[in-house]
Every structure is written in C-alpha cells, then in structure tokens.
Amino acid sequence: MNDYAVYVCTQCGFEYDEAKGWPEDGIAPGTRWEDIPDDWSCPDCGAAKTDFDMVEIERA
C-alpha cells in the first residue's frame, strides 16, 4: 500500500488527497504534492500552493 498524504488549504480548508488527485485540474490520482506545478492554486479560494499544509490522515 502506498502512503499518500493529504494537504489542506490554510485559507479555506480545501483538502488535496494525493490518492484521489484532482482530475478537474488534470491531476491524476496518485499524484504526489511535489509533482503538482508550483503555480497550481486552490480550486475553492485561489490560494497559492504554498498556503497548504500536510495533515496526518489514518486510512483503514
């Protein structure tokens, strides 16, 4: 099992889950945070990628 992280926007709470990706922006499931372009922004509020923090998520 791969250990994917979840990153949360500190401005609005949007969650980017590496396991799910964000297909709406062309980011495939399994895409690591570091592989997302630096100019990507939060789809909900437009915050910069630098405004996201990694959070610990326990998966079953």
Protein backbone atom coordinates (compact mmCIF):
# COMPACT_ATOMS: atom_id res chain seq x y z
CA MET A 1 0.00 0.00 0.00
CA ASN A 2 1.24 3.45 -0.89
CA ASP A 3 1.23 6.07 1.82
CA TYR A 4 -0.39 9.11 0.31
CA ALA A 5 -0.62 12.41 2.15
CA VAL A 6 -3.43 14.94 2.40
CA TYR A 7 -2.73 18.67 2.15
CA VAL A 8 -5.18 21.25 3.48
CA CYS A 9 -5.56 24.85 2.33
CA THR A 10 -4.91 27.09 5.32
CA GLN A 11 -7.23 29.73 3.84
CA CYS A 12 -10.44 27.76 3.26
CA GLY A 13 -9.93 24.15 4.38
CA PHE A 14 -9.98 22.54 0.91
CA GLU A 15 -8.28 19.13 1.04
CA TYR A 16 -5.99 17.78 -1.68
CA ASP A 17 -5.68 14.00 -1.28
CA GLU A 18 -2.72 12.54 -3.18
CA ALA A 19 -4.55 9.21 -3.52
CA LYS A 20 -7.50 10.88 -5.27
CA GLY A 21 -5.67 13.59 -7.20
CA TRP A 22 -7.76 16.40 -8.65
CA PRO A 23 -8.93 15.29 -12.11
CA GLU A 24 -10.85 18.56 -12.60
CA ASP A 25 -7.43 20.26 -13.00
CA GLY A 26 -5.83 17.35 -14.85
CA ILE A 27 -4.08 15.98 -11.74
CA ALA A 28 -4.31 12.19 -11.86
CA PRO A 29 -4.97 10.03 -8.79
CA GLY A 30 -1.68 9.14 -7.11
CA THR A 31 -0.01 12.46 -7.99
CA ARG A 32 2.35 13.48 -5.21
CA TRP A 33 2.20 17.01 -3.84
CA GLU A 34 5.73 17.77 -5.01
CA ASP A 35 4.74 16.81 -8.58
CA ILE A 36 1.93 19.37 -8.78
CA PRO A 37 3.04 22.53 -10.63
CA ASP A 38 4.12 25.37 -8.33
CA ASP A 39 1.62 27.72 -9.99
CA TRP A 40 -1.35 25.47 -9.10
CA SER A 41 -3.81 27.16 -6.77
CA CYS A 42 -6.66 26.10 -4.51
CA PRO A 43 -9.72 25.34 -6.64
CA ASP A 44 -12.04 26.71 -3.94
CA CYS A 45 -10.42 30.00 -2.94
CA GLY A 46 -7.44 30.55 -5.26
CA ALA A 47 -4.79 30.37 -2.51
CA ALA A 48 -1.26 29.51 -3.61
CA LYS A 49 0.19 26.01 -3.30
CA THR A 50 2.44 27.40 -0.56
CA ASP A 51 -0.70 28.05 1.54
CA PHE A 52 -1.29 24.30 2.02
CA ASP A 53 -0.15 22.23 5.00
CA MET A 54 0.19 18.45 5.15
CA VAL A 55 -2.09 16.72 7.64
CA GLU A 56 -1.95 13.23 9.09
CA ILE A 57 -4.83 11.05 7.91
CA GLU A 58 -5.32 7.49 9.14
CA ARG A 59 -6.56 5.16 6.45
CA ALA A 60 -8.25 1.86 7.13
